[in-house]
Amino acid sequence: MTCNTTIRAVRALALIGAASLALAGCTSAAPASTVSADCTPADEGLTTFTEGVLTIGVPENPPYTQTEGTGASGIEIDILTKLAEAECLSVAYVPITYANGIPMITEQKKTDIISGGWYVTETRAEQVGFTTPTMYDTMGIVSKEGASTVEELEAIGTVGTGTGFSWNEDLTPILGDRLQQYPGTVEMKADLLNGRLQAALDGYAVAVAAYADTDFTVEPATADDRVAITVDQPMIAFPVSKDNPGLSDAFSALIDQYREDGTLADLLAEYDLPAELLVPAEAAANSIR
């Protein structure tokens, strides 16, 4: 795996924790933090890849996660920091990509948990376990006009989208050759800014972070039966090893507590994300685990 500590230009949140956290190398996790000797964990007997250390896989996908010097930041890093503190675990980070993230758990066994806005799907659930979900994602529409509907996209001009997005199959017959696919947010944003595109489609939270420094508006797509993601929003959770249900269950109980006490809602607000993205308790209870 190639180490990549390039920081994408979005708002970063400084880590606040019990101790400083180190960015691990590509093949090992050596935390610089320590846990107080009198720390009492919320759950006794949890096991991790390295005893006493929560090793987290971190991809570059703001606002969920990004590497930042010798640390990491993002809304999911904030959540994981709280979880580690509650369980008296120090933290180490391993840079990952979306191609190797799950194998880092299942095959290489180098991470206890991975971050970055992973959708809960039945296919992934065959490979890894999931914590209880934290938030929804949806298709974000980026434009100067504030477009929020598929109907507006039909009339707006050329529309960019990332390769592999779930909505591409639904939108291709609607937009035809006016739907242009890009390898990632950076390339798509460049063409939107220079006028080659009239709108761009990205994960809503990612788009909010990516276009915060522009005069473009990001709107969540309104429901349209022709585009599945607008009526059946994917849930986001943390993938963990199927062989470590104790860790997943402990973290899930804490996340449910953060859901109830307003912690998750407060974090969404800090990242300028709407409260509607919070997965409610009833829906979380029925998610794939």
Protein backbone atom coordinates (compact mmCIF):
# COMPACT_ATOMS: atom_id res chain seq x y z
CA MET A 1 0.00 0.00 0.00
CA THR A 2 1.27 3.45 -0.88
CA CYS A 3 1.30 5.98 1.91
CA ASN A 4 -0.49 9.21 1.01
CA THR A 5 -0.65 12.09 3.41
CA THR A 6 -1.71 14.68 0.84
CA ILE A 7 -4.36 16.88 2.42
CA ARG A 8 -7.34 17.89 0.34
CA ALA A 9 -8.25 21.52 0.85
CA VAL A 10 -11.28 21.37 3.11
CA ARG A 11 -12.04 22.50 6.62
CA ALA A 12 -10.21 20.31 9.10
CA LEU A 13 -11.06 19.76 12.72
CA ALA A 14 -8.25 19.53 15.25
CA LEU A 15 -8.28 16.35 17.25
CA ILE A 16 -9.09 16.70 20.91
CA GLY A 17 -8.45 13.61 22.94
CA ALA A 18 -6.92 12.18 26.02
CA ALA A 19 -3.54 12.11 24.32
CA SER A 20 -1.91 12.87 21.00
CA LEU A 21 -2.55 10.29 18.30
CA ALA A 22 0.01 9.16 15.75
CA LEU A 23 -0.42 8.45 12.07
CA ALA A 24 0.80 4.94 11.55
CA GLY A 25 3.07 3.78 8.78
CA CYS A 26 1.83 1.73 5.87
CA THR A 27 2.40 -1.64 7.47
CA SER A 28 2.39 -1.06 11.21
CA ALA A 29 0.59 0.93 13.83
CA ALA A 30 2.71 2.42 16.60
CA PRO A 31 0.69 4.88 18.66
CA ALA A 32 2.38 7.64 20.57
CA SER A 33 -0.56 8.05 22.95
CA THR A 34 -0.99 6.63 26.40
CA VAL A 35 -4.06 5.94 28.50
CA SER A 36 -4.31 6.97 32.12
CA ALA A 37 -3.67 4.10 34.52
CA ASP A 38 -6.90 4.86 36.37
CA CYS A 39 -9.06 4.84 33.21
CA THR A 40 -12.09 2.56 33.56
CA PRO A 41 -13.41 1.23 30.23
CA ALA A 42 -17.11 1.20 29.48
CA ASP A 43 -16.71 -2.49 28.60
CA GLU A 44 -14.20 -4.88 30.10
CA GLY A 45 -12.31 -7.46 28.07
CA LEU A 46 -12.37 -5.92 24.61
CA THR A 47 -9.71 -7.22 22.25
CA THR A 48 -7.94 -5.35 19.46
CA PHE A 49 -5.28 -6.16 16.87
CA THR A 50 -2.67 -4.58 19.15
CA GLU A 51 -3.49 -4.83 22.83
CA GLY A 52 -4.72 -1.53 24.24
CA VAL A 53 -4.70 0.16 20.82
CA LEU A 54 -7.54 0.85 18.40
CA THR A 55 -6.02 0.72 14.91
CA ILE A 56 -8.11 2.74 12.46
CA GLY A 57 -7.91 2.64 8.67
CA VAL A 58 -8.17 6.17 7.24
CA PRO A 59 -8.90 7.01 3.58
CA GLU A 60 -8.84 10.51 2.10
CA ASN A 61 -12.56 11.36 2.02
CA PRO A 62 -13.46 14.60 3.80
CA PRO A 63 -15.56 15.36 5.74
CA TYR A 64 -15.64 11.77 6.96
CA THR A 65 -11.89 11.31 7.28
CA GLN A 66 -8.57 12.61 6.06
CA THR A 67 -4.97 12.30 7.14
CA GLU A 68 -3.54 15.48 8.59
CA GLY A 69 0.17 15.63 9.30
CA THR A 70 0.78 12.97 11.92
CA GLY A 71 -2.91 12.68 12.78
CA ALA A 72 -6.29 12.53 11.14
CA SER A 73 -9.49 14.54 11.20
CA GLY A 74 -13.11 14.38 10.14
CA ILE A 75 -16.52 13.62 11.59
CA GLU A 76 -15.83 9.89 11.80
CA ILE A 77 -12.47 10.48 13.47
CA ASP A 78 -14.30 12.54 16.08
CA ILE A 79 -16.70 9.65 16.70
CA LEU A 80 -13.93 7.06 16.87
CA THR A 81 -11.91 9.25 19.22
CA LYS A 82 -14.87 9.33 21.62
CA LEU A 83 -15.29 5.57 21.35
CA ALA A 84 -11.60 4.90 22.04
CA GLU A 85 -11.60 7.24 25.03
CA ALA A 86 -14.69 5.56 26.47
CA GLU A 87 -12.99 2.15 26.20
CA CYS A 88 -9.58 3.37 27.46
CA LEU A 89 -7.86 2.60 24.15
CA SER A 90 -5.08 4.59 22.56
CA VAL A 91 -5.37 5.12 18.82
CA ALA A 92 -3.17 4.49 15.79
CA TYR A 93 -3.97 5.31 12.17
CA VAL A 94 -3.21 3.34 9.02
CA PRO A 95 -3.73 5.06 5.63
CA ILE A 96 -6.02 3.00 3.38
CA THR A 97 -7.84 3.25 0.08
CA TYR A 98 -11.35 2.11 -0.74
CA ALA A 99 -9.87 -0.77 -2.71
CA ASN A 100 -7.81 -2.20 0.16
CA GLY A 101 -9.84 -1.07 3.20
CA ILE A 102 -11.85 -4.24 3.76
CA PRO A 103 -8.88 -6.55 2.99
CA MET A 104 -6.94 -4.66 5.68
CA ILE A 105 -9.48 -6.13 8.12
CA THR A 106 -10.23 -9.51 6.60
CA GLU A 107 -6.95 -10.60 4.99
CA GLN A 108 -4.03 -8.53 6.26
CA LYS A 109 -5.61 -8.07 9.70
CA LYS A 110 -3.86 -4.73 10.11
CA THR A 111 -6.82 -2.64 11.25
CA ASP A 112 -9.53 -3.13 13.87
CA ILE A 113 -11.96 -0.76 12.20
CA ILE A 114 -12.05 1.38 9.07
CA SER A 115 -13.46 4.85 8.55
CA GLY A 116 -14.40 6.98 5.57
CA GLY A 117 -18.17 6.85 5.08
CA TRP A 118 -18.68 3.16 4.23
CA TYR A 119 -22.17 2.20 3.05
CA VAL A 120 -23.80 -0.76 4.78
CA THR A 121 -24.55 -3.31 2.04
CA GLU A 122 -25.42 -6.99 2.02
CA THR A 123 -22.36 -7.74 -0.11
CA ARG A 124 -20.01 -6.06 2.35
CA ALA A 125 -21.82 -7.69 5.28
CA GLU A 126 -20.72 -11.06 3.89
CA GLN A 127 -17.09 -9.98 4.43
CA VAL A 128 -17.12 -7.77 7.53
CA GLY A 129 -19.28 -6.87 10.47
CA PHE A 130 -20.71 -3.39 10.95
CA THR A 131 -21.34 -1.20 13.95
CA THR A 132 -24.77 0.34 14.26
CA PRO A 133 -25.11 3.05 11.57
CA THR A 134 -24.45 6.70 12.29
CA MET A 135 -25.77 8.71 9.35
CA TYR A 136 -27.35 8.51 5.94
CA ASP A 137 -25.78 9.57 2.69
CA THR A 138 -27.59 10.78 -0.39
CA MET A 139 -26.86 12.23 -3.80
CA GLY A 140 -25.74 15.83 -3.57
CA ILE A 141 -26.38 18.16 -6.51
CA VAL A 142 -23.81 20.94 -6.96
CA SER A 143 -24.75 23.93 -9.09
CA LYS A 144 -24.86 27.71 -9.13
CA GLU A 145 -28.63 27.62 -9.50
CA GLY A 146 -29.26 25.56 -6.37
CA ALA A 147 -30.73 22.64 -8.32
CA SER A 148 -32.17 19.90 -6.13
CA THR A 149 -34.28 17.74 -8.46
CA VAL A 150 -33.67 15.27 -11.26
CA GLU A 151 -36.02 17.33 -13.41
CA GLU A 152 -33.70 20.32 -13.04
CA LEU A 153 -30.74 18.17 -14.05
CA GLU A 154 -32.57 17.23 -17.24
CA ALA A 155 -32.60 20.89 -18.26
CA ILE A 156 -29.38 22.23 -16.75
CA GLY A 157 -26.80 21.08 -19.30
CA THR A 158 -23.80 18.78 -18.84
CA VAL A 159 -23.69 16.99 -15.50
CA GLY A 160 -20.60 15.40 -13.92
CA THR A 161 -20.60 12.34 -11.69
CA GLY A 162 -17.98 10.08 -10.14
CA THR A 163 -17.25 6.71 -11.69
CA GLY A 164 -18.91 3.90 -9.77
CA PHE A 165 -21.62 5.90 -8.02
CA SER A 166 -24.79 3.90 -7.45
CA TRP A 167 -26.99 6.48 -9.15
CA ASN A 168 -25.13 6.38 -12.49
CA GLU A 169 -27.10 3.41 -13.80
CA ASP A 170 -30.39 5.16 -13.01
CA LEU A 171 -29.35 8.53 -14.44
CA THR A 172 -27.74 7.34 -17.69
CA PRO A 173 -31.05 6.67 -19.47
CA ILE A 174 -32.39 9.98 -18.16
CA LEU A 175 -29.45 12.26 -19.03
CA GLY A 176 -27.83 10.27 -21.82
CA ASP A 177 -24.48 11.59 -23.05
CA ARG A 178 -24.90 14.74 -20.94
CA LEU A 179 -23.85 12.65 -17.92
CA GLN A 180 -20.05 12.73 -17.83
CA GLN A 181 -18.13 10.41 -15.50
CA TYR A 182 -14.97 11.44 -13.61
CA PRO A 183 -12.43 9.45 -11.56
CA GLY A 184 -13.01 11.58 -8.48
CA THR A 185 -14.21 14.77 -6.83
CA VAL A 186 -11.07 16.77 -7.62
CA GLU A 187 -11.27 16.31 -11.39
CA MET A 188 -15.02 16.88 -11.45
CA LYS A 189 -14.75 20.04 -9.37
CA ALA A 190 -12.13 21.46 -11.71
CA ASP A 191 -14.43 21.10 -14.72
CA LEU A 192 -17.38 22.55 -12.83
CA LEU A 193 -15.33 25.58 -11.82
CA ASN A 194 -14.06 26.18 -15.35
CA GLY A 195 -17.53 25.91 -16.88
CA ARG A 196 -17.25 22.59 -18.69
CA LEU A 197 -20.03 21.29 -16.42
CA GLN A 198 -23.23 22.96 -15.34
CA ALA A 199 -23.79 20.63 -12.39
CA ALA A 200 -21.97 17.89 -10.50
CA LEU A 201 -23.16 14.92 -8.47
CA ASP A 202 -21.33 13.62 -5.40
CA GLY A 203 -22.07 12.16 -2.01
CA TYR A 204 -23.85 14.95 -0.16
CA ALA A 205 -21.47 15.24 2.80
CA VAL A 206 -18.41 15.04 0.54
CA ALA A 207 -19.82 17.76 -1.70
CA VAL A 208 -20.54 20.08 1.23
CA ALA A 209 -16.88 19.86 2.26
CA ALA A 210 -15.45 20.02 -1.26
CA TYR A 211 -17.38 23.11 -2.37
CA ALA A 212 -17.29 25.08 0.88
CA ASP A 213 -14.74 27.48 -0.63
CA THR A 214 -16.79 28.21 -3.78
CA ASP A 215 -19.94 30.08 -4.75
CA PHE A 216 -21.64 26.84 -5.78
CA THR A 217 -24.63 25.52 -3.85
CA VAL A 218 -24.92 21.91 -2.66
CA GLU A 219 -28.42 20.51 -2.26
CA PRO A 220 -29.57 17.01 -1.33
CA ALA A 221 -31.50 15.49 -4.20
CA THR A 222 -35.23 15.38 -3.60
CA ALA A 223 -37.04 12.06 -3.96
CA ASP A 224 -37.49 10.79 -7.51
CA ASP A 225 -38.64 7.22 -8.11
CA ARG A 226 -36.38 6.98 -11.15
CA VAL A 227 -33.22 7.31 -9.02
CA ALA A 228 -33.14 4.76 -6.21
CA ILE A 229 -30.72 6.55 -3.86
CA THR A 230 -33.09 9.53 -3.58
CA VAL A 231 -35.83 7.34 -2.07
CA ASP A 232 -33.74 4.68 -0.30
CA GLN A 233 -30.80 6.44 1.30
CA PRO A 234 -27.78 4.27 2.18
CA MET A 235 -26.70 4.04 5.80
CA ILE A 236 -23.10 4.62 6.88
CA ALA A 237 -21.40 2.57 9.59
CA PHE A 238 -17.94 1.42 10.65
CA PRO A 239 -16.77 -1.93 9.20
CA VAL A 240 -15.12 -4.24 11.75
CA SER A 241 -13.94 -7.84 11.78
CA LYS A 242 -16.62 -10.52 11.94
CA ASP A 243 -14.26 -12.28 14.35
CA ASN A 244 -14.53 -9.45 16.88
CA PRO A 245 -18.25 -9.03 17.67
CA GLY A 246 -17.41 -7.85 21.17
CA LEU A 247 -15.77 -4.70 19.83
CA SER A 248 -18.59 -4.08 17.37
CA ASP A 249 -21.27 -4.56 20.03
CA ALA A 250 -19.52 -2.31 22.54
CA PHE A 251 -19.03 0.46 20.00
CA SER A 252 -22.60 0.09 18.75
CA ALA A 253 -23.98 0.56 22.26
CA LEU A 254 -21.91 3.72 22.68
CA ILE A 255 -22.95 5.05 19.25
CA ASP A 256 -26.60 4.46 20.17
CA GLN A 257 -25.95 6.44 23.34
CA TYR A 258 -24.46 9.28 21.27
CA ARG A 259 -27.53 9.13 19.03
CA GLU A 260 -29.84 9.53 22.02
CA ASP A 261 -27.90 12.20 23.92
CA GLY A 262 -27.44 14.50 20.91
CA THR A 263 -23.72 13.93 20.39
CA LEU A 264 -24.14 12.72 16.79
CA ALA A 265 -26.55 15.55 15.96
CA ASP A 266 -24.08 18.09 17.35
CA LEU A 267 -21.28 16.65 15.21
CA LEU A 268 -23.43 16.86 12.08
CA ALA A 269 -24.06 20.53 12.84
CA GLU A 270 -20.34 21.18 13.36
CA TYR A 271 -19.70 19.90 9.84
CA ASP A 272 -22.59 21.90 8.35
CA LEU A 273 -24.57 18.73 7.64
CA PRO A 274 -28.35 18.63 8.13
CA ALA A 275 -29.90 16.83 11.08
CA GLU A 276 -31.94 14.74 8.62
CA LEU A 277 -28.80 12.71 7.85
CA LEU A 278 -28.84 11.22 11.37
CA VAL A 279 -30.10 7.63 11.29
CA PRO A 280 -32.92 7.42 13.87
CA ALA A 281 -32.89 4.71 16.53
CA GLU A 282 -35.66 2.61 14.95
CA ALA A 283 -33.96 2.49 11.56
CA ALA A 284 -30.57 1.78 13.16
CA ALA A 285 -32.03 -1.16 15.08
CA ASN A 286 -33.14 -2.76 11.80
CA SER A 287 -29.90 -2.24 9.89
CA ILE A 288 -27.57 -4.99 8.68
CA ARG A 289 -25.17 -6.01 11.46
